[in-house]
Protein backbone atom coordinates (compact mmCIF):
# COMPACT_ATOMS: atom_id res chain seq x y z
CA MET A 1 118.65 86.67 78.01
CA ALA A 2 115.37 88.46 77.97
CA ALA A 3 114.44 91.87 79.21
CA ILE A 4 114.70 92.39 83.08
CA ARG A 5 112.87 94.97 85.12
CA VAL A 6 114.58 96.83 88.03
CA VAL A 7 112.53 98.39 90.86
CA VAL A 8 114.67 100.92 92.86
CA ALA A 9 112.77 102.20 95.85
CA ASP A 10 112.59 103.81 99.38
CA SER A 11 109.54 104.58 101.50
CA ALA A 12 109.25 107.90 99.66
CA ARG A 13 109.74 107.15 96.06
CA ALA A 14 110.21 104.41 93.51
CA GLU A 15 111.75 104.13 90.05
CA ILE A 16 111.43 101.21 87.47
CA PHE A 17 113.91 100.67 84.95
CA GLU A 18 114.45 97.98 82.23
CA MET A 19 117.65 96.27 80.98
CA ASP A 20 117.65 94.21 77.84
CA SER A 21 120.52 91.80 79.25
CA ALA A 22 122.32 91.42 82.48
CA HIS A 23 125.03 93.82 81.36
CA ALA A 24 123.04 96.26 79.13
CA PRO A 25 122.44 99.86 80.57
CA LEU A 26 119.32 100.92 82.44
CA ARG A 27 116.54 102.65 80.88
CA LYS A 28 114.11 104.41 83.29
CA LEU A 29 110.47 103.45 82.39
CA ALA A 30 108.37 105.09 85.54
CA THR A 31 108.62 106.95 88.67
CA LEU A 32 106.18 106.58 91.59
CA ALA A 33 106.07 108.78 94.38
CA ASN A 34 104.51 108.69 98.14
CA PRO A 35 103.01 111.97 98.37
CA TYR A 36 102.98 111.78 102.09
CA ALA A 37 106.64 111.12 102.94
CA ALA A 38 107.84 114.32 103.22
CA ARG A 39 105.13 115.78 104.97
CA HIS A 40 104.74 115.79 108.81
CA GLU A 41 102.31 113.67 110.53
CA ARG A 42 100.18 116.71 111.70
CA ASP A 43 99.70 117.98 108.07
CA ILE A 44 98.54 114.40 106.72
CA GLY A 45 95.59 114.01 108.99
CA ALA A 46 94.16 114.97 112.35
CA ASP A 47 95.93 116.11 115.39
CA ALA A 48 96.06 114.21 118.81
CA PRO A 49 92.85 112.57 119.74
CA GLY A 50 90.52 114.42 122.20
CA ARG A 51 90.70 114.24 125.73
CA VAL A 52 88.29 113.88 128.54
CA VAL A 53 88.91 115.39 132.25
CA ASN A 54 87.68 113.12 135.22
CA ARG A 55 85.39 115.51 137.46
CA GLN A 56 86.59 113.89 140.74
CA GLY A 57 90.48 114.29 140.28
CA GLY A 58 91.12 116.14 137.25
CA VAL A 59 92.87 113.24 135.67
CA GLN A 60 92.88 113.49 131.71
CA HIS A 61 92.19 110.47 129.52
CA THR A 62 92.43 110.11 126.02
CA LEU A 63 89.37 109.20 123.88
CA ALA A 64 91.31 106.94 121.38
CA PRO A 65 94.95 105.96 120.77
CA ARG A 66 96.96 108.15 118.60
CA GLN A 67 97.22 107.24 115.00
CA GLN A 68 100.31 106.69 113.06
CA LEU A 69 99.23 108.40 110.06
CA LYS A 70 102.83 108.47 108.29
CA LYS A 71 103.05 104.79 109.01
CA GLN A 72 99.84 104.03 107.46
CA ALA A 73 100.80 106.26 104.46
CA THR A 74 104.04 104.10 104.13
CA GLU A 75 102.05 100.98 104.18
CA LYS A 76 99.70 102.13 101.45
CA PHE A 77 102.67 103.00 99.46
CA ALA A 78 104.27 99.27 100.10
CA ARG A 79 101.02 97.79 99.01
CA LEU A 80 100.95 100.04 95.76
CA LEU A 81 104.47 99.33 95.01
CA ALA A 82 103.83 95.50 95.45
CA GLU A 83 100.81 95.75 93.03
CA ARG A 84 103.24 97.49 90.65
CA ILE A 85 105.75 94.66 91.08
CA THR A 86 103.49 92.12 90.34
CA SER A 87 102.51 93.85 87.05
CA GLU A 88 106.06 94.27 86.16
CA THR A 89 106.88 90.32 86.61
CA GLN A 90 103.89 89.72 84.16
CA ARG A 91 105.56 91.96 81.55
CA ALA A 92 109.18 91.23 82.12
CA GLU A 93 110.35 87.97 80.50
CA GLY A 94 113.50 88.06 82.40
CA GLY A 95 112.05 88.63 85.81
CA VAL A 96 112.29 91.47 88.33
CA MET A 97 115.28 92.69 90.31
CA LEU A 98 114.45 94.66 93.34
CA VAL A 99 116.66 97.22 94.81
CA ILE A 100 114.89 98.53 98.06
CA ALA A 101 115.95 99.88 101.36
CA PRO A 102 115.82 97.01 103.91
CA ARG A 103 112.86 98.09 106.19
CA PHE A 104 110.83 98.95 103.23
CA LEU A 105 111.68 95.82 101.41
CA ALA A 106 110.27 93.88 104.46
CA GLN A 107 107.15 95.76 103.94
CA VAL A 108 106.90 95.31 100.23
CA GLN A 109 107.51 91.63 100.31
CA SER A 110 104.66 91.17 102.87
CA PHE A 111 102.24 92.04 100.17
CA LEU A 112 103.71 89.95 97.40
CA SER A 113 102.15 86.73 96.46
CA PRO A 114 104.21 83.56 96.30
CA ALA A 115 103.91 83.46 92.23
CA THR A 116 105.38 87.04 92.24
CA LYS A 117 108.23 86.05 94.81
CA ARG A 118 109.07 83.34 92.39
CA GLN A 119 109.59 85.75 89.52
CA ILE A 120 112.08 87.74 91.40
CA VAL A 121 115.57 87.22 90.12
CA GLY A 122 117.54 89.03 92.89
CA GLU A 123 117.44 91.46 95.71
CA VAL A 124 119.97 94.17 96.66
CA ARG A 125 119.04 95.48 100.26
CA ARG A 126 120.08 99.00 99.86
CA ASN A 127 118.85 102.41 99.50
CA LEU A 128 120.31 103.41 96.09
CA LEU A 129 117.69 105.61 95.03
CA GLU A 130 119.89 108.79 95.17
CA SER A 131 122.97 107.17 93.97
CA ARG A 132 124.47 107.71 90.55
CA ARG A 133 123.20 105.56 87.76
CA LEU A 134 126.63 103.96 87.24
CA ASP A 135 126.79 102.87 90.91
CA LEU A 136 123.17 101.45 90.52
CA GLN A 137 124.23 99.59 87.39
CA ARG A 138 126.99 97.99 89.03
CA ARG A 139 125.31 96.77 92.11
CA VAL A 140 122.32 95.42 89.84
CA GLU A 141 124.76 93.56 87.78
CA ALA A 142 126.61 92.14 90.54
CA GLY A 143 123.29 91.16 92.16
CA LEU A 144 122.26 89.30 88.97
CA ALA A 145 125.51 87.40 88.85
CA ALA A 146 125.30 86.26 92.32
CA ARG A 147 121.92 84.74 91.39
CA HIS A 148 123.32 82.74 88.30
């Protein structure tokens, strides 16, 4: 069996591994980080939108809707990760296995092309980024065995 790439991610960080076969040990290749994941929204950008006070009744109105800057940062990271997954599918002869937290997986998948989706050999919908390497290895092997 050809080399398989394994992408393990959540909305804050992603790690990319390689396996020579379905039962070979994982070798770490790269780490990607979302620099805005641990920051508070007020530290990412502007605070609340400005307000206008109506002269006749003292009623306040916001000038613009509140921006969701953390949500936008997570979406940018999902797009970046999807681009990286696409490039990994072109490098890995055995395909790519995704081990991504469920909500974030849905975001990442929305940015993947149909051709890239066909190169994905399996998915584990769990956040295993902080788990021990042996636990991750077992989950990946089980996910690959379920596909074949």
